N, C-alpha and C. Protein backbone atom coordinates (compact mmCIF):
# COMPACT_ATOMS: atom_id res chain seq x y z
N MET A 1 -8.13 72.52 51.33
CA MET A 1 -8.12 71.39 50.51
C MET A 1 -7.50 71.67 49.15
N GLN A 2 -6.89 70.76 48.57
CA GLN A 2 -6.37 70.72 47.19
C GLN A 2 -7.02 69.65 46.47
N GLU A 3 -6.99 69.90 45.17
CA GLU A 3 -7.45 68.87 44.26
C GLU A 3 -6.39 68.59 43.17
N LYS A 4 -6.33 67.30 42.84
CA LYS A 4 -5.33 66.88 41.85
C LYS A 4 -6.11 66.13 40.82
N THR A 5 -5.81 66.43 39.61
CA THR A 5 -6.34 65.65 38.38
C THR A 5 -5.31 64.74 37.93
N VAL A 6 -5.68 63.52 37.70
CA VAL A 6 -4.81 62.47 37.19
C VAL A 6 -5.40 62.08 35.82
N GLU A 7 -4.59 62.17 34.75
CA GLU A 7 -5.04 61.78 33.33
C GLU A 7 -4.13 60.66 32.85
N THR A 8 -4.88 59.96 31.95
CA THR A 8 -4.11 58.87 31.26
C THR A 8 -4.25 59.23 29.77
N LYS A 9 -3.12 59.20 29.12
CA LYS A 9 -3.01 59.54 27.65
C LYS A 9 -3.12 58.24 26.96
N VAL A 10 -4.16 58.08 26.06
CA VAL A 10 -4.22 56.87 25.25
C VAL A 10 -4.29 57.29 23.75
N LYS A 11 -3.30 56.78 22.87
CA LYS A 11 -3.46 56.91 21.47
C LYS A 11 -4.35 55.78 20.91
N ILE A 12 -5.32 56.11 20.10
CA ILE A 12 -6.20 55.06 19.56
C ILE A 12 -5.89 54.95 17.91
N TYR A 13 -5.68 53.70 17.50
CA TYR A 13 -5.51 53.43 16.18
C TYR A 13 -6.47 52.25 15.67
N THR A 14 -6.48 52.08 14.36
CA THR A 14 -6.99 50.85 13.95
C THR A 14 -5.72 49.95 13.78
N PHE A 15 -5.89 48.66 13.54
CA PHE A 15 -4.75 47.73 13.51
C PHE A 15 -3.88 48.06 12.26
N ASP A 16 -4.53 48.52 11.24
CA ASP A 16 -3.84 48.79 9.90
C ASP A 16 -3.15 50.10 10.10
N GLU A 17 -3.37 51.02 10.94
CA GLU A 17 -2.68 52.24 11.05
C GLU A 17 -1.28 52.09 11.83
N LEU A 18 -1.10 50.94 12.52
CA LEU A 18 0.02 50.72 13.25
C LEU A 18 1.22 50.38 12.46
N GLU A 19 2.45 50.69 12.89
CA GLU A 19 3.61 50.34 12.29
C GLU A 19 3.80 48.94 12.25
N ASN A 20 4.49 48.29 11.35
CA ASN A 20 4.67 46.88 11.17
C ASN A 20 5.24 46.17 12.35
N GLY A 21 6.09 46.65 13.16
CA GLY A 21 6.61 46.14 14.31
C GLY A 21 5.54 45.94 15.45
N TYR A 22 4.65 46.90 15.50
CA TYR A 22 3.60 46.82 16.49
C TYR A 22 2.57 45.80 16.06
N GLN A 23 2.24 45.73 14.67
CA GLN A 23 1.38 44.77 14.21
C GLN A 23 1.88 43.37 14.35
N HIS A 24 3.22 43.17 14.25
CA HIS A 24 3.87 41.89 14.37
C HIS A 24 3.60 41.46 15.89
N LEU A 25 3.97 42.34 16.74
CA LEU A 25 3.94 41.97 18.35
C LEU A 25 2.48 41.63 18.67
N LEU A 26 1.44 42.45 18.18
CA LEU A 26 0.06 42.09 18.50
C LEU A 26 -0.34 40.79 17.89
N ASN A 27 0.10 40.43 16.73
CA ASN A 27 -0.14 39.16 16.10
C ASN A 27 0.42 38.03 16.98
N LYS A 28 1.55 38.16 17.62
CA LYS A 28 2.05 37.27 18.45
C LYS A 28 1.25 37.04 19.77
N ALA A 29 0.69 38.13 20.19
CA ALA A 29 -0.11 38.11 21.45
C ALA A 29 -1.43 37.43 21.04
N LYS A 30 -2.00 37.79 19.80
CA LYS A 30 -3.20 37.14 19.47
C LYS A 30 -3.10 35.65 19.19
N GLU A 31 -1.92 35.11 18.78
CA GLU A 31 -1.79 33.72 18.59
C GLU A 31 -1.79 33.00 19.95
N GLN A 32 -1.31 33.63 20.98
CA GLN A 32 -1.34 33.06 22.29
C GLN A 32 -2.67 32.81 22.87
N VAL A 33 -3.76 33.52 22.48
CA VAL A 33 -5.11 33.19 23.06
C VAL A 33 -5.59 31.75 22.80
N ASN A 34 -5.08 31.17 21.75
CA ASN A 34 -5.49 29.77 21.45
C ASN A 34 -4.79 28.75 22.34
N LYS A 35 -3.68 29.17 22.95
CA LYS A 35 -3.05 28.28 23.92
C LYS A 35 -3.31 28.48 25.36
N ALA A 36 -4.21 29.45 25.67
CA ALA A 36 -4.54 29.81 27.07
C ALA A 36 -5.42 28.64 27.67
N TYR A 37 -5.18 28.49 28.98
CA TYR A 37 -5.90 27.51 29.66
C TYR A 37 -6.90 28.31 30.55
N ALA A 38 -8.24 28.33 30.06
CA ALA A 38 -9.29 29.34 30.56
C ALA A 38 -10.62 28.45 30.73
N PRO A 39 -10.56 27.29 31.25
CA PRO A 39 -11.81 26.53 31.29
C PRO A 39 -12.97 27.09 32.18
N TYR A 40 -12.54 28.02 33.15
CA TYR A 40 -13.52 28.51 34.12
C TYR A 40 -14.11 29.88 33.56
N SER A 41 -13.35 30.65 33.14
CA SER A 41 -13.85 32.00 32.61
C SER A 41 -14.24 31.99 31.26
N GLY A 42 -13.51 31.13 30.41
CA GLY A 42 -13.84 31.14 28.98
C GLY A 42 -13.17 32.42 28.32
N PHE A 43 -12.42 33.22 29.09
CA PHE A 43 -11.78 34.46 28.71
C PHE A 43 -10.32 34.21 28.51
N GLN A 44 -9.97 34.19 27.23
CA GLN A 44 -8.56 33.87 26.82
C GLN A 44 -7.80 35.08 26.50
N VAL A 45 -6.56 35.17 27.24
CA VAL A 45 -5.75 36.37 27.05
C VAL A 45 -4.34 36.07 26.55
N GLY A 46 -3.85 36.60 25.50
CA GLY A 46 -2.49 36.49 25.12
C GLY A 46 -1.67 37.65 25.23
N ALA A 47 -0.44 37.49 25.54
CA ALA A 47 0.54 38.71 25.68
C ALA A 47 1.90 38.36 24.90
N ALA A 48 2.47 39.44 24.52
CA ALA A 48 3.74 39.32 23.83
C ALA A 48 4.68 40.45 24.41
N VAL A 49 5.97 40.09 24.81
CA VAL A 49 6.84 41.07 25.29
C VAL A 49 7.94 41.08 24.27
N GLU A 50 8.31 42.27 23.82
CA GLU A 50 9.55 42.40 23.01
C GLU A 50 10.63 43.03 23.87
N LEU A 51 11.86 42.40 23.85
CA LEU A 51 12.88 43.00 24.59
C LEU A 51 13.71 43.90 23.71
N GLU A 52 14.66 44.70 24.38
CA GLU A 52 15.47 45.59 23.55
C GLU A 52 16.51 44.86 22.62
N ASN A 53 16.73 43.70 22.90
CA ASN A 53 17.58 42.86 22.09
C ASN A 53 16.91 42.18 20.87
N GLY A 54 15.63 42.42 20.80
CA GLY A 54 14.76 41.91 19.67
C GLY A 54 14.02 40.51 19.95
N GLU A 55 14.39 39.95 21.16
CA GLU A 55 13.77 38.64 21.44
C GLU A 55 12.30 38.91 21.88
N ILE A 56 11.37 38.07 21.56
CA ILE A 56 10.04 38.18 21.75
C ILE A 56 9.65 36.95 22.62
N PHE A 57 8.92 37.28 23.74
CA PHE A 57 8.47 36.21 24.66
C PHE A 57 6.93 36.35 24.75
N THR A 58 6.29 35.21 24.75
CA THR A 58 4.74 35.15 24.66
C THR A 58 4.31 34.40 25.91
N GLY A 59 3.02 34.74 26.27
CA GLY A 59 2.35 33.96 27.38
C GLY A 59 0.87 34.10 27.21
N ASN A 60 0.21 33.41 27.97
CA ASN A 60 -1.36 33.31 27.96
C ASN A 60 -1.76 33.02 29.41
N ASN A 61 -3.11 33.40 29.65
CA ASN A 61 -3.55 33.12 30.99
C ASN A 61 -3.71 31.67 31.32
N GLN A 62 -3.45 31.31 32.50
CA GLN A 62 -3.50 29.98 33.08
C GLN A 62 -4.32 29.94 34.27
N GLU A 63 -5.59 29.43 34.18
CA GLU A 63 -6.56 29.44 35.22
C GLU A 63 -6.39 28.16 36.13
N ASN A 64 -6.95 28.16 37.27
CA ASN A 64 -6.91 27.15 38.19
C ASN A 64 -8.22 27.18 38.96
N ALA A 65 -8.61 25.83 39.37
CA ALA A 65 -9.84 25.77 40.02
C ALA A 65 -9.71 26.39 41.45
N ALA A 66 -8.57 26.49 41.98
CA ALA A 66 -8.39 27.10 43.24
C ALA A 66 -8.03 28.55 43.03
N TYR A 67 -9.05 29.31 42.77
CA TYR A 67 -8.76 30.83 42.56
C TYR A 67 -8.08 31.40 43.71
N PRO A 68 -7.22 32.28 43.65
CA PRO A 68 -6.59 32.99 42.50
C PRO A 68 -5.21 32.25 42.08
N SER A 69 -5.08 31.00 42.17
CA SER A 69 -3.83 30.36 41.92
C SER A 69 -3.38 30.41 40.43
N GLY A 70 -4.19 30.85 39.54
CA GLY A 70 -3.87 31.08 38.04
C GLY A 70 -3.01 32.22 37.99
N LEU A 71 -2.66 32.55 36.68
CA LEU A 71 -1.71 33.62 36.41
C LEU A 71 -2.11 34.31 35.04
N CYS A 72 -2.22 35.63 35.02
CA CYS A 72 -2.57 36.33 33.74
C CYS A 72 -1.46 36.29 32.71
N ALA A 73 -1.87 36.43 31.52
CA ALA A 73 -1.01 36.31 30.36
C ALA A 73 0.13 37.30 30.47
N GLU A 74 -0.15 38.59 30.87
CA GLU A 74 0.87 39.64 31.00
C GLU A 74 2.05 39.24 31.88
N ARG A 75 1.63 38.69 33.04
CA ARG A 75 2.73 38.24 34.02
C ARG A 75 3.40 37.00 33.56
N VAL A 76 2.72 35.98 32.87
CA VAL A 76 3.43 34.95 32.31
C VAL A 76 4.44 35.28 31.34
N ALA A 77 4.07 36.18 30.45
CA ALA A 77 5.11 36.64 29.36
C ALA A 77 6.19 37.48 30.00
N MET A 78 5.91 38.41 30.99
CA MET A 78 7.03 39.30 31.50
C MET A 78 7.93 38.40 32.37
N PHE A 79 7.37 37.57 33.15
CA PHE A 79 8.27 36.75 34.09
C PHE A 79 9.12 35.87 33.09
N TYR A 80 8.58 35.32 32.09
CA TYR A 80 9.32 34.46 31.12
C TYR A 80 10.44 35.20 30.49
N ALA A 81 10.17 36.46 30.07
CA ALA A 81 11.16 37.32 29.46
C ALA A 81 12.27 37.63 30.41
N ASN A 82 11.86 38.06 31.67
CA ASN A 82 12.74 38.48 32.72
C ASN A 82 13.65 37.38 33.21
N ALA A 83 13.03 36.12 33.20
CA ALA A 83 13.79 34.94 33.61
C ALA A 83 14.87 34.58 32.66
N ASN A 84 14.66 34.82 31.40
CA ASN A 84 15.57 34.43 30.34
C ASN A 84 16.69 35.56 30.06
N TYR A 85 16.17 36.78 30.26
CA TYR A 85 17.11 37.90 29.99
C TYR A 85 16.90 38.90 31.14
N PRO A 86 17.51 38.67 32.30
CA PRO A 86 17.15 39.57 33.51
C PRO A 86 17.84 40.81 33.43
N ASN A 87 18.77 41.08 32.45
CA ASN A 87 19.43 42.37 32.23
C ASN A 87 19.04 43.10 31.09
N VAL A 88 17.99 42.67 30.38
CA VAL A 88 17.65 43.30 29.09
C VAL A 88 16.23 43.97 29.36
N ALA A 89 16.26 45.33 29.03
CA ALA A 89 14.88 46.12 29.13
C ALA A 89 13.84 45.60 28.18
N VAL A 90 12.61 45.85 28.59
CA VAL A 90 11.52 45.55 27.75
C VAL A 90 11.21 46.79 26.78
N LYS A 91 11.11 46.46 25.49
CA LYS A 91 10.83 47.46 24.56
C LYS A 91 9.36 47.77 24.38
N THR A 92 8.51 46.70 24.33
CA THR A 92 7.10 47.02 24.13
C THR A 92 6.38 45.58 24.71
N LEU A 93 5.07 45.88 25.08
CA LEU A 93 4.20 44.93 25.53
C LEU A 93 2.82 44.86 24.80
N ALA A 94 2.46 43.68 24.28
CA ALA A 94 1.14 43.69 23.52
C ALA A 94 0.31 42.74 24.22
N ILE A 95 -1.11 43.00 24.27
CA ILE A 95 -2.09 42.26 24.89
C ILE A 95 -3.31 42.08 24.11
N ALA A 96 -3.95 40.85 23.94
CA ALA A 96 -5.14 40.66 23.10
C ALA A 96 -6.09 39.71 23.99
N ALA A 97 -7.32 39.93 23.90
CA ALA A 97 -8.29 39.14 24.64
C ALA A 97 -9.35 38.52 23.70
N PHE A 98 -9.78 37.37 23.96
CA PHE A 98 -10.69 36.47 23.11
C PHE A 98 -11.73 35.73 23.95
N THR A 99 -12.94 35.83 23.67
CA THR A 99 -13.99 35.13 24.34
C THR A 99 -15.17 34.83 23.41
N SER A 100 -15.89 33.78 23.71
CA SER A 100 -17.05 33.46 22.83
C SER A 100 -16.71 33.34 21.40
N GLY A 101 -15.55 32.78 21.12
CA GLY A 101 -15.14 32.54 19.72
C GLY A 101 -14.65 33.74 18.99
N LYS A 102 -14.36 34.77 19.60
CA LYS A 102 -13.88 36.02 18.85
C LYS A 102 -13.01 36.94 19.71
N PHE A 103 -12.22 37.82 18.99
CA PHE A 103 -11.49 38.78 19.74
C PHE A 103 -12.63 39.87 20.07
N LEU A 104 -12.25 40.64 21.13
CA LEU A 104 -13.21 41.74 21.57
C LEU A 104 -13.02 42.91 20.70
N PRO A 105 -14.11 43.71 20.40
CA PRO A 105 -14.04 44.86 19.56
C PRO A 105 -13.24 45.91 20.22
N ASN A 106 -13.19 46.15 21.57
CA ASN A 106 -12.50 47.12 22.26
C ASN A 106 -11.43 46.44 23.11
N PRO A 107 -10.34 47.17 23.32
CA PRO A 107 -9.22 46.56 24.03
C PRO A 107 -9.58 46.26 25.62
N VAL A 108 -8.93 45.34 26.16
CA VAL A 108 -8.95 44.95 27.58
C VAL A 108 -7.72 45.42 28.20
N THR A 109 -7.78 46.17 29.38
CA THR A 109 -6.54 46.60 30.16
C THR A 109 -6.23 45.58 31.10
N PRO A 110 -4.91 45.53 31.43
CA PRO A 110 -4.44 44.62 32.52
C PRO A 110 -5.05 44.75 33.89
N CYS A 111 -5.16 43.63 34.66
CA CYS A 111 -5.62 43.78 36.03
C CYS A 111 -4.68 44.56 36.90
N GLY A 112 -5.04 44.81 38.15
CA GLY A 112 -4.19 45.55 38.98
C GLY A 112 -2.95 44.86 39.33
N SER A 113 -3.02 43.58 39.54
CA SER A 113 -1.74 42.76 39.87
C SER A 113 -0.74 42.91 38.74
N CYS A 114 -1.27 42.74 37.43
CA CYS A 114 -0.49 42.86 36.37
C CYS A 114 0.22 44.19 36.22
N ARG A 115 -0.60 45.30 36.41
CA ARG A 115 -0.11 46.62 36.31
C ARG A 115 1.04 46.86 37.28
N GLN A 116 0.94 46.27 38.50
CA GLN A 116 2.02 46.45 39.49
C GLN A 116 3.26 45.74 39.11
N VAL A 117 3.10 44.62 38.48
CA VAL A 117 4.29 43.77 37.98
C VAL A 117 4.90 44.57 36.84
N LEU A 118 4.06 45.10 35.92
CA LEU A 118 4.63 45.73 34.80
C LEU A 118 5.36 47.06 35.25
N LEU A 119 4.75 47.73 36.22
CA LEU A 119 5.41 48.93 36.79
C LEU A 119 6.76 48.63 37.33
N GLU A 120 6.89 47.46 38.07
CA GLU A 120 8.09 47.10 38.58
C GLU A 120 9.14 46.85 37.66
N THR A 121 8.76 46.29 36.48
CA THR A 121 9.72 46.05 35.35
C THR A 121 10.09 47.36 34.76
N GLU A 122 9.17 48.23 34.55
CA GLU A 122 9.50 49.55 33.96
C GLU A 122 10.41 50.26 34.85
N SER A 123 10.18 50.27 36.12
CA SER A 123 11.04 50.98 37.15
C SER A 123 12.49 50.26 37.22
N ARG A 124 12.50 49.01 37.23
CA ARG A 124 13.69 48.20 37.31
C ARG A 124 14.65 48.62 36.18
N PHE A 125 14.28 49.00 35.01
CA PHE A 125 15.10 49.24 33.86
C PHE A 125 15.19 50.80 33.66
N GLY A 126 14.28 51.49 34.35
CA GLY A 126 14.41 53.00 34.13
C GLY A 126 14.02 53.38 32.80
N LYS A 127 13.09 52.64 32.09
CA LYS A 127 12.77 52.81 30.67
C LYS A 127 11.25 52.56 30.50
N ASP A 128 10.53 53.53 29.87
CA ASP A 128 9.26 53.32 29.59
C ASP A 128 8.86 52.15 28.79
N ILE A 129 7.75 51.50 29.09
CA ILE A 129 7.30 50.26 28.36
C ILE A 129 5.90 50.78 27.69
N PRO A 130 6.03 50.97 26.42
CA PRO A 130 4.74 51.13 25.63
C PRO A 130 3.80 49.91 25.71
N VAL A 131 2.66 50.17 25.92
CA VAL A 131 1.68 49.02 25.99
C VAL A 131 0.70 49.02 24.92
N LEU A 132 0.57 47.94 24.03
CA LEU A 132 -0.48 48.00 23.12
C LEU A 132 -1.51 47.04 23.54
N LEU A 133 -2.89 47.53 23.39
CA LEU A 133 -3.98 46.72 23.79
C LEU A 133 -4.87 46.58 22.60
N TYR A 134 -5.13 45.38 22.19
CA TYR A 134 -5.81 44.90 20.94
C TYR A 134 -7.20 44.98 21.09
N GLY A 135 -7.94 45.49 20.13
CA GLY A 135 -9.39 45.35 19.85
C GLY A 135 -9.63 45.23 18.40
N THR A 136 -10.61 44.51 17.95
CA THR A 136 -10.76 44.53 16.45
C THR A 136 -11.22 45.82 15.95
N GLU A 137 -11.83 46.72 16.64
CA GLU A 137 -12.33 47.98 16.22
C GLU A 137 -11.27 49.12 16.41
N GLU A 138 -10.50 48.90 17.58
CA GLU A 138 -9.45 49.90 17.84
C GLU A 138 -8.40 49.27 18.70
N VAL A 139 -7.19 49.85 18.59
CA VAL A 139 -6.07 49.41 19.40
C VAL A 139 -5.54 50.60 20.18
N TYR A 140 -5.36 50.39 21.41
CA TYR A 140 -4.84 51.46 22.30
C TYR A 140 -3.21 51.38 22.37
N LEU A 141 -2.56 52.57 22.22
CA LEU A 141 -1.26 52.64 22.46
C LEU A 141 -1.00 53.53 23.71
N ILE A 142 -0.57 52.97 24.70
CA ILE A 142 -0.22 53.70 25.94
C ILE A 142 1.26 53.84 26.08
N GLU A 143 1.70 55.06 26.21
CA GLU A 143 3.08 55.33 26.22
C GLU A 143 3.88 54.66 27.27
N ASN A 144 3.47 54.37 28.42
CA ASN A 144 4.14 53.69 29.56
C ASN A 144 3.26 53.16 30.55
N VAL A 145 3.80 52.25 31.35
CA VAL A 145 2.90 51.70 32.35
C VAL A 145 2.42 52.60 33.33
N LYS A 146 3.14 53.63 33.74
CA LYS A 146 2.65 54.67 34.70
C LYS A 146 1.37 55.25 34.20
N GLN A 147 1.13 55.31 32.98
CA GLN A 147 -0.15 55.84 32.45
C GLN A 147 -1.26 54.86 32.84
N LEU A 148 -1.06 53.58 33.06
CA LEU A 148 -2.04 52.62 33.46
C LEU A 148 -2.19 52.63 34.88
N LEU A 149 -1.21 53.12 35.68
CA LEU A 149 -1.24 53.06 37.15
C LEU A 149 -0.54 54.29 37.64
N PRO A 150 -1.36 55.46 37.49
CA PRO A 150 -0.77 56.75 37.77
C PRO A 150 -0.55 57.05 39.19
N LEU A 151 -1.42 56.60 40.09
CA LEU A 151 -1.07 56.80 41.56
C LEU A 151 -0.55 55.49 42.14
N CYS A 152 0.70 55.21 41.78
CA CYS A 152 1.27 53.94 41.86
C CYS A 152 2.06 53.82 43.12
N PHE A 153 2.19 52.55 43.63
CA PHE A 153 3.11 52.14 44.71
C PHE A 153 4.27 51.57 44.22
N GLU A 154 5.50 52.27 44.35
CA GLU A 154 6.69 51.78 43.82
C GLU A 154 7.79 51.82 44.83
N LYS A 155 8.96 51.49 44.41
CA LYS A 155 10.16 51.32 45.29
C LYS A 155 10.28 52.68 46.08
N SER A 156 10.13 53.91 45.54
CA SER A 156 10.38 55.09 46.21
C SER A 156 9.29 55.32 47.32
N SER A 157 8.16 54.52 47.22
CA SER A 157 7.17 54.67 48.24
C SER A 157 7.65 54.02 49.65
N LEU A 158 8.55 53.15 49.53
CA LEU A 158 9.19 52.54 50.71
C LEU A 158 10.07 53.28 51.41
N ASN A 159 10.63 54.32 50.86
CA ASN A 159 11.64 55.27 51.40
C ASN A 159 11.01 55.98 52.64
N LYS A 160 11.72 56.08 53.70
CA LYS A 160 11.27 56.79 54.85
C LYS A 160 11.80 58.16 54.93
C-alpha cells in the first residue's frame, strides 16, 4: 500500500491587506450579491472574472424552483466572460456570499460543479487562475483552481 497526501495552499488576508486590484475585483463580486435571484435559499453569491485584457465580467446565482435548474454565480460570470472573449485567458476570479442581510465572516468556496468548470477554463488557456474568496473577517487567496480540486478529472483523464 502507498499513501498520498494532498494539500491545498491558502493565503489568508484581511481585505485591507490586499492589493488594490484584488480589492476592486472583490468589490465587483460583492455588488453582484444584490442582483442574485435566490428566493429559495436566501443565499446570494456574486462573482467577478477579470480577463487578461482588463475586461471584468460579473455574475450572480440564479435559482429555480425546479432544482437543479439554477446556476451558480461563478459559472454565470465565467460563461459570460468566455462567451464574449473566447480567446482571452482569465486573470483572476473573485467570489463573495451574502445571507441574512450580511456578508459572511469566512469565505465560501465554489461547489463541485463550479470547480470543474473553473478547472476546464484554467486548463483551456494553460494559465493559473488565482481565486479570491471574500469574508468580512478574512479573504482567501488560492493560487489556482487545481488547489480547489487537487484530485481532478480533466482532459488528460480521457486519454487512453
